[in-house]
Amino acid sequence: MSFLLFALTGLHSLGLLLLFIATLGKAWWVLPDGGTLNLWYDCEYMNSTHGWACTSTGDSPCLRATRALLPAALLLSAASFGLFLWQLRGGARGSLFTPAGGTQLLAAVAAALGAGLYAGRGERPLPGGYGHCFGITWAAAALALGSGCAYLRLRKGA
């Protein structure tokens, strides 16, 4: 039973780390010349002024929704991990980890919905393709879904 708890803790931690990397990562859209765009701003270092010049990557409704859903998924996943640890420490013997599982499932839905909206937006910023952060988000959503389902099935042992 303790191995299952350690494995589930590792699975949840990995999903949380992937969500963090995907939310703050710079490679959501890769340009043909190797440049990348992220969700927030497109920043470029200017040698002439020795400073950064940042421009917005767009303001479409789908991009704004993605910008809201990914931090929400990150916060829900962190809250779920806290609930899991709290229930593990103080929950009654034989009880289910339902609050932690439900919160983790909400995080999975938010991450998948955010990535789906990013993929489904009508306009493309520039020619190119999806970057690794887009794939990491889908992997994090799958890990969150798996750990959320495992929480719903797991009972606290002795």
Protein backbone atom coordinates (compact mmCIF):
# COMPACT_ATOMS: atom_id res chain seq x y z
CA MET A 1 0.00 0.00 0.00
CA SER A 2 2.81 2.43 0.78
CA PHE A 3 4.33 1.80 -2.68
CA LEU A 4 1.02 2.81 -4.24
CA LEU A 5 0.98 6.03 -2.20
CA PHE A 6 4.57 6.82 -3.22
CA ALA A 7 3.81 6.09 -6.86
CA LEU A 8 0.70 8.25 -6.79
CA THR A 9 2.61 11.06 -5.08
CA GLY A 10 5.30 10.84 -7.77
CA LEU A 11 2.69 10.79 -10.55
CA HIS A 12 0.96 13.83 -9.13
CA SER A 13 4.26 15.68 -8.62
CA LEU A 14 5.32 14.95 -12.20
CA GLY A 15 2.00 16.22 -13.54
CA LEU A 16 2.27 19.35 -11.41
CA LEU A 17 5.82 19.98 -12.65
CA LEU A 18 4.76 19.50 -16.28
CA LEU A 19 1.86 21.92 -15.84
CA PHE A 20 4.24 24.49 -14.35
CA ILE A 21 6.70 24.10 -17.24
CA ALA A 22 3.95 24.30 -19.84
CA THR A 23 2.33 27.37 -18.31
CA LEU A 24 5.56 29.35 -18.14
CA GLY A 25 7.30 27.80 -21.16
CA LYS A 26 8.26 29.80 -24.20
CA ALA A 27 7.63 27.28 -26.97
CA TRP A 28 3.90 27.09 -27.57
CA TRP A 29 4.30 28.03 -31.23
CA VAL A 30 7.52 27.39 -33.17
CA LEU A 31 8.30 29.59 -36.16
CA PRO A 32 10.01 28.25 -39.31
CA ASP A 33 13.22 30.13 -38.45
CA GLY A 34 13.40 28.46 -35.02
CA GLY A 35 11.89 31.33 -33.04
CA THR A 36 9.15 30.61 -30.53
CA LEU A 37 6.03 32.29 -29.18
CA ASN A 38 4.58 31.71 -25.74
CA LEU A 39 1.14 32.35 -24.26
CA TRP A 40 1.94 35.66 -22.68
CA TYR A 41 4.41 37.91 -24.49
CA ASP A 42 6.89 37.71 -27.34
CA CYS A 43 10.09 39.25 -25.95
CA GLU A 44 13.22 39.97 -27.93
CA TYR A 45 16.53 41.33 -26.62
CA MET A 46 17.53 44.53 -28.39
CA ASN A 47 21.29 45.01 -28.61
CA SER A 48 20.97 48.68 -29.52
CA THR A 49 19.14 49.60 -26.31
CA HIS A 50 20.46 46.75 -24.12
CA GLY A 51 16.93 45.93 -23.06
CA TRP A 52 13.97 43.73 -23.87
CA ALA A 53 11.23 44.67 -26.32
CA CYS A 54 8.03 42.78 -25.57
CA THR A 55 4.84 42.62 -27.58
CA SER A 56 1.60 40.79 -26.91
CA THR A 57 1.11 37.48 -28.72
CA GLY A 58 -2.53 38.28 -29.42
CA ASP A 59 -5.81 38.90 -27.74
CA SER A 60 -8.25 36.43 -29.23
CA PRO A 61 -10.93 34.95 -26.93
CA CYS A 62 -9.45 31.46 -27.26
CA LEU A 63 -5.98 32.67 -26.30
CA ARG A 64 -7.39 34.59 -23.32
CA ALA A 65 -9.26 31.47 -22.22
CA THR A 66 -6.08 29.41 -22.51
CA ARG A 67 -4.24 32.03 -20.46
CA ALA A 68 -6.88 31.66 -17.75
CA LEU A 69 -7.30 27.88 -17.82
CA LEU A 70 -3.66 26.85 -17.53
CA PRO A 71 -2.89 28.77 -14.33
CA ALA A 72 -6.25 27.55 -13.00
CA ALA A 73 -5.22 23.96 -13.75
CA LEU A 74 -1.90 24.56 -12.03
CA LEU A 75 -3.58 25.96 -8.93
CA LEU A 76 -6.20 23.20 -8.84
CA SER A 77 -3.52 20.54 -9.11
CA ALA A 78 -1.51 22.13 -6.31
CA ALA A 79 -4.66 22.35 -4.17
CA SER A 80 -5.40 18.71 -4.91
CA PHE A 81 -1.91 17.72 -3.79
CA GLY A 82 -2.38 19.68 -0.57
CA LEU A 83 -5.77 18.02 0.00
CA PHE A 84 -4.22 14.61 -0.59
CA LEU A 85 -1.48 15.23 1.97
CA TRP A 86 -3.99 16.66 4.44
CA GLN A 87 -6.32 13.67 4.02
CA LEU A 88 -3.39 11.27 4.27
CA ARG A 89 -2.35 12.81 7.56
CA GLY A 90 -5.72 13.38 9.21
CA GLY A 91 -8.33 11.38 7.34
CA ALA A 92 -10.20 8.49 8.86
CA ARG A 93 -8.95 4.97 8.16
CA GLY A 94 -10.75 3.42 5.19
CA SER A 95 -11.90 6.76 3.77
CA LEU A 96 -11.65 7.67 0.11
CA PHE A 97 -9.57 10.55 -1.23
CA THR A 98 -12.62 12.02 -2.96
CA PRO A 99 -11.88 15.76 -2.50
CA ALA A 100 -8.33 15.35 -3.77
CA GLY A 101 -9.50 13.21 -6.69
CA GLY A 102 -12.29 15.58 -7.67
CA THR A 103 -9.99 18.60 -7.58
CA GLN A 104 -7.38 16.76 -9.64
CA LEU A 105 -10.00 15.79 -12.21
CA LEU A 106 -11.01 19.46 -12.47
CA ALA A 107 -7.34 20.32 -13.05
CA ALA A 108 -7.18 17.71 -15.83
CA VAL A 109 -10.27 19.13 -17.49
CA ALA A 110 -8.92 22.69 -17.25
CA ALA A 111 -5.56 21.72 -18.77
CA ALA A 112 -7.14 19.71 -21.59
CA LEU A 113 -9.66 22.45 -22.30
CA GLY A 114 -6.92 25.09 -22.37
CA ALA A 115 -4.78 23.10 -24.80
CA GLY A 116 -7.83 22.28 -26.91
CA LEU A 117 -8.84 25.92 -27.14
CA TYR A 118 -5.29 26.87 -28.10
CA ALA A 119 -5.37 24.27 -30.88
CA GLY A 120 -8.86 25.20 -32.01
CA ARG A 121 -8.41 28.93 -32.30
CA GLY A 122 -9.21 30.14 -35.79
CA GLU A 123 -6.24 32.32 -36.65
CA ARG A 124 -2.62 31.26 -36.51
CA PRO A 125 -0.14 33.85 -35.27
CA LEU A 126 2.51 33.16 -37.90
CA PRO A 127 3.52 30.22 -40.10
CA GLY A 128 4.94 27.38 -38.07
CA GLY A 129 3.72 24.64 -35.79
CA TYR A 130 3.01 23.68 -32.19
CA GLY A 131 5.93 23.67 -29.79
CA HIS A 132 6.84 21.31 -26.99
CA CYS A 133 4.83 23.21 -24.35
CA PHE A 134 1.66 22.31 -26.22
CA GLY A 135 2.53 18.60 -26.00
CA ILE A 136 3.60 18.91 -22.38
CA THR A 137 0.18 20.33 -21.54
CA TRP A 138 -1.56 17.31 -23.04
CA ALA A 139 0.79 14.97 -21.14
CA ALA A 140 0.11 16.86 -17.90
CA ALA A 141 -3.64 16.62 -18.52
CA ALA A 142 -3.33 12.85 -19.00
CA LEU A 143 -1.27 12.49 -15.82
CA ALA A 144 -3.77 14.60 -13.88
CA LEU A 145 -6.63 12.48 -15.20
CA GLY A 146 -4.83 9.29 -14.19
CA SER A 147 -3.93 10.48 -10.71
CA GLY A 148 -7.41 11.92 -10.19
CA CYS A 149 -9.02 8.60 -11.05
CA ALA A 150 -6.54 6.79 -8.80
CA TYR A 151 -7.40 9.11 -5.91
CA LEU A 152 -11.08 8.30 -6.35
CA ARG A 153 -10.35 4.57 -6.10
CA LEU A 154 -7.75 4.72 -3.33
CA ARG A 155 -8.71 4.14 0.30
CA LYS A 156 -6.59 5.20 3.23
CA GLY A 157 -4.90 2.26 4.87
CA ALA A 158 -3.75 1.84 8.44
